[in-house]
Amino acid sequence: MFAGETAETLYNQFLNRPNKNRPLIVGLDGLGGAGKTTFVKMVKQKLKGYNCKVNIVHLDDHIVEKNKRYHTGYEEWYEFYYLQWDIDGLLNTFLKSLYNSEHLHLSFYDKSTDSISNRQVDVLAGSIVLIEGIFLQRKEWKIFFDYVIFLNCPFELRKERVLNRDSYIGEYQDRLKKYTERYWLGEKHYLDTINPYSIADLVINI
């Protein structure tokens, strides 16, 4: 399914949403390198054709500081899955707030300074909120989404993308080591415990 068809599906979900007093909350889930960021931008562009207001939220903008997710005494995959984000904080200040407020106060992470700043984000009730990120269907968050899309991309393609993309980690072997010990094991835990393919409303195969 292409971005245009996805946009049409979401617009129909928006028109038929039972609660018109809050936005339609859509999750674009997928593992690292699946193409979520690119795809969500394409969908937003297509939704403009329906004269529909859209807010994009990138989950990676809301991770915690390094000292809360590295060298914690836990295994690296655990740090990635359970500590990379303030799971309860995002639940209470973001996902729950979308149900009853147009003015959200979110914590944004600045990679260059390894610091957090709080900003107000305004979200209209008559809009679609597209939340893009990994692990969106974890049990703490899943029920707050009206509709979830899972972007399914073969491992070998994702592997090629992330290892060529994430030069900030270091040399190629450094990237491979980090993905092997941290990210891919965290993803495996998600697949094994949540099985996101089976519970998403729509699976798009890349």
C-alpha atoms as a PDB file:
ATOM      1  CA  MET A   1       0.000   0.000   0.000  1.00  0.00           C
ATOM      2  CA  PHE A   2       1.431   3.359  -1.018  1.00  0.00           C
ATOM      3  CA  ALA A   3       1.356   6.649   0.870  1.00  0.00           C
ATOM      4  CA  GLY A   4      -1.655   7.875  -1.094  1.00  0.00           C
ATOM      5  CA  GLU A   5      -3.744   4.849  -0.194  1.00  0.00           C
ATOM      6  CA  THR A   6      -2.628   5.069   3.418  1.00  0.00           C
ATOM      7  CA  ALA A   7      -3.628   8.736   3.535  1.00  0.00           C
ATOM      8  CA  GLU A   8      -7.056   7.875   2.151  1.00  0.00           C
ATOM      9  CA  THR A   9      -7.480   5.168   4.795  1.00  0.00           C
ATOM     10  CA  LEU A  10      -6.491   7.552   7.579  1.00  0.00           C
ATOM     11  CA  TYR A  11      -8.760  10.295   6.303  1.00  0.00           C
ATOM     12  CA  ASN A  12     -11.696   7.876   6.370  1.00  0.00           C
ATOM     13  CA  GLN A  13     -10.733   6.894   9.907  1.00  0.00           C
ATOM     14  CA  PHE A  14     -10.641  10.588  10.780  1.00  0.00           C
ATOM     15  CA  LEU A  15     -14.086  11.292   9.329  1.00  0.00           C
ATOM     16  CA  ASN A  16     -15.615   8.303  11.104  1.00  0.00           C
ATOM     17  CA  ARG A  17     -13.896   8.675  14.463  1.00  0.00           C
ATOM     18  CA  PRO A  18     -16.446   8.323  17.273  1.00  0.00           C
ATOM     19  CA  ASN A  19     -15.033  11.160  19.378  1.00  0.00           C
ATOM     20  CA  LYS A  20     -14.902  14.426  17.445  1.00  0.00           C
ATOM     21  CA  ASN A  21     -13.623  16.334  20.491  1.00  0.00           C
ATOM     22  CA  ARG A  22     -10.051  15.098  20.170  1.00  0.00           C
ATOM     23  CA  PRO A  23      -7.646  14.285  17.342  1.00  0.00           C
ATOM     24  CA  LEU A  24      -7.348  10.945  15.616  1.00  0.00           C
ATOM     25  CA  ILE A  25      -4.235   9.337  17.116  1.00  0.00           C
ATOM     26  CA  VAL A  26      -2.310   7.224  14.618  1.00  0.00           C
ATOM     27  CA  GLY A  27       0.851   5.232  15.270  1.00  0.00           C
ATOM     28  CA  LEU A  28       3.369   4.395  12.567  1.00  0.00           C
ATOM     29  CA  ASP A  29       5.306   1.521  14.089  1.00  0.00           C
ATOM     30  CA  GLY A  30       8.269  -0.354  12.647  1.00  0.00           C
ATOM     31  CA  LEU A  31      11.757  -1.530  13.457  1.00  0.00           C
ATOM     32  CA  GLY A  32      14.972   0.415  12.896  1.00  0.00           C
ATOM     33  CA  GLY A  33      15.602   1.254   9.261  1.00  0.00           C
ATOM     34  CA  ALA A  34      12.093   0.384   8.087  1.00  0.00           C
ATOM     35  CA  GLY A  35      11.611   3.854   6.592  1.00  0.00           C
ATOM     36  CA  LYS A  36       9.126   5.249   9.100  1.00  0.00           C
ATOM     37  CA  THR A  37      10.316   8.867   9.015  1.00  0.00           C
ATOM     38  CA  THR A  38      10.266   9.043   5.226  1.00  0.00           C
ATOM     39  CA  PHE A  39       6.900   7.328   4.974  1.00  0.00           C
ATOM     40  CA  VAL A  40       5.182   9.500   7.574  1.00  0.00           C
ATOM     41  CA  LYS A  41       6.288  12.642   5.721  1.00  0.00           C
ATOM     42  CA  MET A  42       4.850  11.241   2.490  1.00  0.00           C
ATOM     43  CA  VAL A  43       1.550  10.434   4.184  1.00  0.00           C
ATOM     44  CA  LYS A  44       1.339  13.931   5.668  1.00  0.00           C
ATOM     45  CA  GLN A  45       1.904  15.425   2.220  1.00  0.00           C
ATOM     46  CA  LYS A  46      -0.893  13.299   0.777  1.00  0.00           C
ATOM     47  CA  LEU A  47      -3.251  14.257   3.606  1.00  0.00           C
ATOM     48  CA  LYS A  48      -2.839  17.901   2.637  1.00  0.00           C
ATOM     49  CA  GLY A  49      -4.929  17.040  -0.395  1.00  0.00           C
ATOM     50  CA  TYR A  50      -7.832  16.357   1.956  1.00  0.00           C
ATOM     51  CA  ASN A  51      -7.360  19.735   3.652  1.00  0.00           C
ATOM     52  CA  CYS A  52      -6.647  17.855   6.859  1.00  0.00           C
ATOM     53  CA  LYS A  53      -4.517  19.267   9.674  1.00  0.00           C
ATOM     54  CA  VAL A  54      -1.697  16.909  10.641  1.00  0.00           C
ATOM     55  CA  ASN A  55       0.839  16.900  13.475  1.00  0.00           C
ATOM     56  CA  ILE A  56       3.845  14.580  13.226  1.00  0.00           C
ATOM     57  CA  VAL A  57       5.531  13.437  16.411  1.00  0.00           C
ATOM     58  CA  HIS A  58       8.873  11.608  16.135  1.00  0.00           C
ATOM     59  CA  LEU A  59       9.322   9.381  19.167  1.00  0.00           C
ATOM     60  CA  ASP A  60      13.114   9.690  18.922  1.00  0.00           C
ATOM     61  CA  ASP A  61      12.762  13.395  19.760  1.00  0.00           C
ATOM     62  CA  HIS A  62      11.599  12.376  23.223  1.00  0.00           C
ATOM     63  CA  ILE A  63      14.241   9.978  24.524  1.00  0.00           C
ATOM     64  CA  VAL A  64      15.946  10.504  27.890  1.00  0.00           C
ATOM     65  CA  GLU A  65      19.479  11.638  28.719  1.00  0.00           C
ATOM     66  CA  LYS A  66      22.360   9.200  28.217  1.00  0.00           C
ATOM     67  CA  ASN A  67      22.997   8.578  31.909  1.00  0.00           C
ATOM     68  CA  LYS A  68      19.491   7.136  32.194  1.00  0.00           C
ATOM     69  CA  ARG A  69      19.912   4.671  29.319  1.00  0.00           C
ATOM     70  CA  TYR A  70      23.616   3.746  29.242  1.00  0.00           C
ATOM     71  CA  HIS A  71      25.806   1.998  31.831  1.00  0.00           C
ATOM     72  CA  THR A  72      22.842   1.393  34.096  1.00  0.00           C
ATOM     73  CA  GLY A  73      23.812  -2.142  35.090  1.00  0.00           C
ATOM     74  CA  TYR A  74      21.213  -3.672  32.803  1.00  0.00           C
ATOM     75  CA  GLU A  75      21.948  -5.463  29.537  1.00  0.00           C
ATOM     76  CA  GLU A  76      22.116  -3.167  26.521  1.00  0.00           C
ATOM     77  CA  TRP A  77      18.975  -4.528  24.862  1.00  0.00           C
ATOM     78  CA  TYR A  78      17.069  -3.884  28.104  1.00  0.00           C
ATOM     79  CA  GLU A  79      18.334  -0.315  28.251  1.00  0.00           C
ATOM     80  CA  PHE A  80      17.140   0.250  24.679  1.00  0.00           C
ATOM     81  CA  TYR A  81      13.704  -1.260  25.117  1.00  0.00           C
ATOM     82  CA  TYR A  82      12.844  -0.205  28.652  1.00  0.00           C
ATOM     83  CA  LEU A  83      14.986   2.855  29.440  1.00  0.00           C
ATOM     84  CA  GLN A  84      15.448   4.764  26.157  1.00  0.00           C
ATOM     85  CA  TRP A  85      12.144   6.566  26.752  1.00  0.00           C
ATOM     86  CA  ASP A  86      10.332   7.600  29.902  1.00  0.00           C
ATOM     87  CA  ILE A  87       7.534   5.140  29.241  1.00  0.00           C
ATOM     88  CA  ASP A  88       5.193   6.331  31.991  1.00  0.00           C
ATOM     89  CA  GLY A  89       6.074   9.980  31.435  1.00  0.00           C
ATOM     90  CA  LEU A  90       5.143   9.856  27.755  1.00  0.00           C
ATOM     91  CA  LEU A  91       1.998   7.997  28.649  1.00  0.00           C
ATOM     92  CA  ASN A  92       0.847  10.640  31.130  1.00  0.00           C
ATOM     93  CA  THR A  93       2.092  13.892  29.575  1.00  0.00           C
ATOM     94  CA  PHE A  94       1.521  12.973  25.954  1.00  0.00           C
ATOM     95  CA  LEU A  95      -0.746  10.067  25.041  1.00  0.00           C
ATOM     96  CA  LYS A  96      -3.320  10.590  27.791  1.00  0.00           C
ATOM     97  CA  SER A  97      -3.192  14.357  27.332  1.00  0.00           C
ATOM     98  CA  LEU A  98      -4.175  14.034  23.676  1.00  0.00           C
ATOM     99  CA  TYR A  99      -7.585  12.914  24.899  1.00  0.00           C
ATOM    100  CA  ASN A 100      -8.434  16.084  26.802  1.00  0.00           C
ATOM    101  CA  SER A 101      -6.099  18.950  25.922  1.00  0.00           C
ATOM    102  CA  GLU A 102      -5.003  20.925  22.877  1.00  0.00           C
ATOM    103  CA  HIS A 103      -1.897  22.221  24.650  1.00  0.00           C
ATOM    104  CA  LEU A 104       0.704  19.590  25.440  1.00  0.00           C
ATOM    105  CA  HIS A 105       3.956  20.102  27.311  1.00  0.00           C
ATOM    106  CA  LEU A 106       6.552  17.667  26.007  1.00  0.00           C
ATOM    107  CA  SER A 107      10.189  16.970  26.810  1.00  0.00           C
ATOM    108  CA  PHE A 108      12.503  17.232  23.783  1.00  0.00           C
ATOM    109  CA  TYR A 109      15.961  15.682  23.725  1.00  0.00           C
ATOM    110  CA  ASP A 110      18.917  17.632  22.307  1.00  0.00           C
ATOM    111  CA  LYS A 111      21.606  15.198  21.149  1.00  0.00           C
ATOM    112  CA  SER A 112      24.281  17.893  20.852  1.00  0.00           C
ATOM    113  CA  THR A 113      24.055  18.795  24.548  1.00  0.00           C
ATOM    114  CA  ASP A 114      22.557  15.575  25.941  1.00  0.00           C
ATOM    115  CA  SER A 115      19.864  17.646  27.623  1.00  0.00           C
ATOM    116  CA  ILE A 116      16.098  17.928  27.872  1.00  0.00           C
ATOM    117  CA  SER A 117      13.980  21.009  27.253  1.00  0.00           C
ATOM    118  CA  ASN A 118      10.232  21.368  27.704  1.00  0.00           C
ATOM    119  CA  ARG A 119       8.113  22.888  24.969  1.00  0.00           C
ATOM    120  CA  GLN A 120       4.446  23.448  24.359  1.00  0.00           C
ATOM    121  CA  VAL A 121       2.941  21.617  21.402  1.00  0.00           C
ATOM    122  CA  ASP A 122      -0.510  22.686  20.239  1.00  0.00           C
ATOM    123  CA  VAL A 123      -2.763  20.013  18.778  1.00  0.00           C
ATOM    124  CA  LEU A 124      -6.218  20.783  17.423  1.00  0.00           C
ATOM    125  CA  ALA A 125      -9.119  18.464  18.194  1.00  0.00           C
ATOM    126  CA  GLY A 126     -10.007  18.393  14.502  1.00  0.00           C
ATOM    127  CA  SER A 127      -6.684  16.987  13.355  1.00  0.00           C
ATOM    128  CA  ILE A 128      -4.683  13.813  12.872  1.00  0.00           C
ATOM    129  CA  VAL A 129      -1.666  13.150  15.083  1.00  0.00           C
ATOM    130  CA  LEU A 130       0.851  10.863  13.374  1.00  0.00           C
ATOM    131  CA  ILE A 131       3.242   9.364  15.923  1.00  0.00           C
ATOM    132  CA  GLU A 132       6.255   7.749  14.287  1.00  0.00           C
ATOM    133  CA  GLY A 133       8.619   5.469  16.157  1.00  0.00           C
ATOM    134  CA  ILE A 134       9.690   2.050  17.308  1.00  0.00           C
ATOM    135  CA  PHE A 135       7.958  -0.050  19.996  1.00  0.00           C
ATOM    136  CA  LEU A 136       4.727   1.963  19.767  1.00  0.00           C
ATOM    137  CA  GLN A 137       2.612  -1.101  20.453  1.00  0.00           C
ATOM    138  CA  ARG A 138       4.199  -1.897  23.798  1.00  0.00           C
ATOM    139  CA  LYS A 139       1.471  -2.799  26.272  1.00  0.00           C
ATOM    140  CA  GLU A 140       1.639   0.546  28.120  1.00  0.00           C
ATOM    141  CA  TRP A 141       0.888   2.606  24.997  1.00  0.00           C
ATOM    142  CA  LYS A 142      -1.098   0.461  22.566  1.00  0.00           C
ATOM    143  CA  ILE A 143      -4.592   1.218  23.871  1.00  0.00           C
ATOM    144  CA  PHE A 144      -4.197   4.973  23.381  1.00  0.00           C
ATOM    145  CA  PHE A 145      -3.877   4.704  19.603  1.00  0.00           C
ATOM    146  CA  ASP A 146      -6.957   4.812  17.419  1.00  0.00           C
ATOM    147  CA  TYR A 147      -5.150   3.197  14.509  1.00  0.00           C
ATOM    148  CA  VAL A 148      -1.708   1.620  14.152  1.00  0.00           C
ATOM    149  CA  ILE A 149       0.256   0.935  10.986  1.00  0.00           C
ATOM    150  CA  PHE A 150       3.237  -1.411  11.087  1.00  0.00           C
ATOM    151  CA  LEU A 151       5.854  -0.827   8.407  1.00  0.00           C
ATOM    152  CA  ASN A 152       7.327  -4.255   7.715  1.00  0.00           C
ATOM    153  CA  CYS A 153      10.750  -4.247   6.078  1.00  0.00           C
ATOM    154  CA  PRO A 154      13.084  -7.253   5.576  1.00  0.00           C
ATOM    155  CA  PHE A 155      15.949  -7.472   8.057  1.00  0.00           C
ATOM    156  CA  GLU A 156      18.715  -7.433   5.454  1.00  0.00           C
ATOM    157  CA  LEU A 157      17.417  -4.187   3.944  1.00  0.00           C
ATOM    158  CA  ARG A 158      17.019  -2.581   7.360  1.00  0.00           C
ATOM    159  CA  LYS A 159      20.492  -3.749   8.332  1.00  0.00           C
ATOM    160  CA  GLU A 160      22.034  -2.192   5.239  1.00  0.00           C
ATOM    161  CA  ARG A 161      20.208   1.083   5.834  1.00  0.00           C
ATOM    162  CA  VAL A 162      21.081   1.554   9.492  1.00  0.00           C
ATOM    163  CA  LEU A 163      24.716   0.505   9.210  1.00  0.00           C
ATOM    164  CA  ASN A 164      25.254   2.911   6.331  1.00  0.00           C
ATOM    165  CA  ARG A 165      23.206   5.654   7.982  1.00  0.00           C
ATOM    166  CA  ASP A 166      24.334   5.826  11.595  1.00  0.00           C
ATOM    167  CA  SER A 167      27.886   7.084  11.151  1.00  0.00           C
ATOM    168  CA  TYR A 168      27.576   9.046  14.418  1.00  0.00           C
ATOM    169  CA  ILE A 169      28.167   5.751  16.250  1.00  0.00           C
ATOM    170  CA  GLY A 170      31.656   5.361  14.779  1.00  0.00           C
ATOM    171  CA  GLU A 171      33.334   3.109  12.231  1.00  0.00           C
ATOM    172  CA  TYR A 172      31.378   0.347  10.507  1.00  0.00           C
ATOM    173  CA  GLN A 173      32.483  -2.329  12.994  1.00  0.00           C
ATOM    174  CA  ASP A 174      31.448  -0.078  15.892  1.00  0.00           C
ATOM    175  CA  ARG A 175      28.022   0.330  14.337  1.00  0.00           C
ATOM    176  CA  LEU A 176      27.672  -3.402  13.765  1.00  0.00           C
ATOM    177  CA  LYS A 177      28.653  -4.148  17.366  1.00  0.00           C
ATOM    178  CA  LYS A 178      26.179  -1.646  18.791  1.00  0.00           C
ATOM    179  CA  TYR A 179      23.323  -2.875  16.646  1.00  0.00           C
ATOM    180  CA  THR A 180      24.138  -6.506  17.406  1.00  0.00           C
ATOM    181  CA  GLU A 181      24.379  -6.049  21.176  1.00  0.00           C
ATOM    182  CA  ARG A 182      21.774  -3.342  21.728  1.00  0.00           C
ATOM    183  CA  TYR A 183      19.281  -2.483  19.029  1.00  0.00           C
ATOM    184  CA  TRP A 184      18.582  -5.783  17.299  1.00  0.00           C
ATOM    185  CA  LEU A 185      18.230  -7.661  20.586  1.00  0.00           C
ATOM    186  CA  GLY A 186      15.780  -5.016  21.787  1.00  0.00           C
ATOM    187  CA  GLU A 187      13.829  -5.443  18.569  1.00  0.00           C
ATOM    188  CA  LYS A 188      13.836  -9.226  19.021  1.00  0.00           C
ATOM    189  CA  HIS A 189      12.367  -8.777  22.490  1.00  0.00           C
ATOM    190  CA  TYR A 190       9.597  -6.624  20.989  1.00  0.00           C
ATOM    191  CA  LEU A 191       8.849  -9.180  18.283  1.00  0.00           C
ATOM    192  CA  ASP A 192       8.857 -12.074  20.752  1.00  0.00           C
ATOM    193  CA  THR A 193       6.761 -10.460  23.481  1.00  0.00           C
ATOM    194  CA  ILE A 194       4.410  -8.131  21.582  1.00  0.00           C
ATOM    195  CA  ASN A 195       4.272  -9.602  18.054  1.00  0.00           C
ATOM    196  CA  PRO A 196       3.483  -6.192  16.523  1.00  0.00           C
ATOM    197  CA  TYR A 197       2.595  -7.584  13.092  1.00  0.00           C
ATOM    198  CA  SER A 198      -0.385  -9.432  14.499  1.00  0.00           C
ATOM    199  CA  ILE A 199      -1.935  -6.574  16.477  1.00  0.00           C
ATOM    200  CA  ALA A 200      -1.470  -3.642  14.079  1.00  0.00           C
ATOM    201  CA  ASP A 201      -4.542  -2.428  12.208  1.00  0.00           C
ATOM    202  CA  LEU A 202      -2.579  -2.307   8.973  1.00  0.00           C
ATOM    203  CA  VAL A 203       0.703  -3.943   7.940  1.00  0.00           C
ATOM    204  CA  ILE A 204       2.549  -2.423   4.991  1.00  0.00           C
ATOM    205  CA  ASN A 205       5.215  -4.652   3.478  1.00  0.00           C
ATOM    206  CA  ILE A 206       8.162  -2.770   2.032  1.00  0.00           C
END
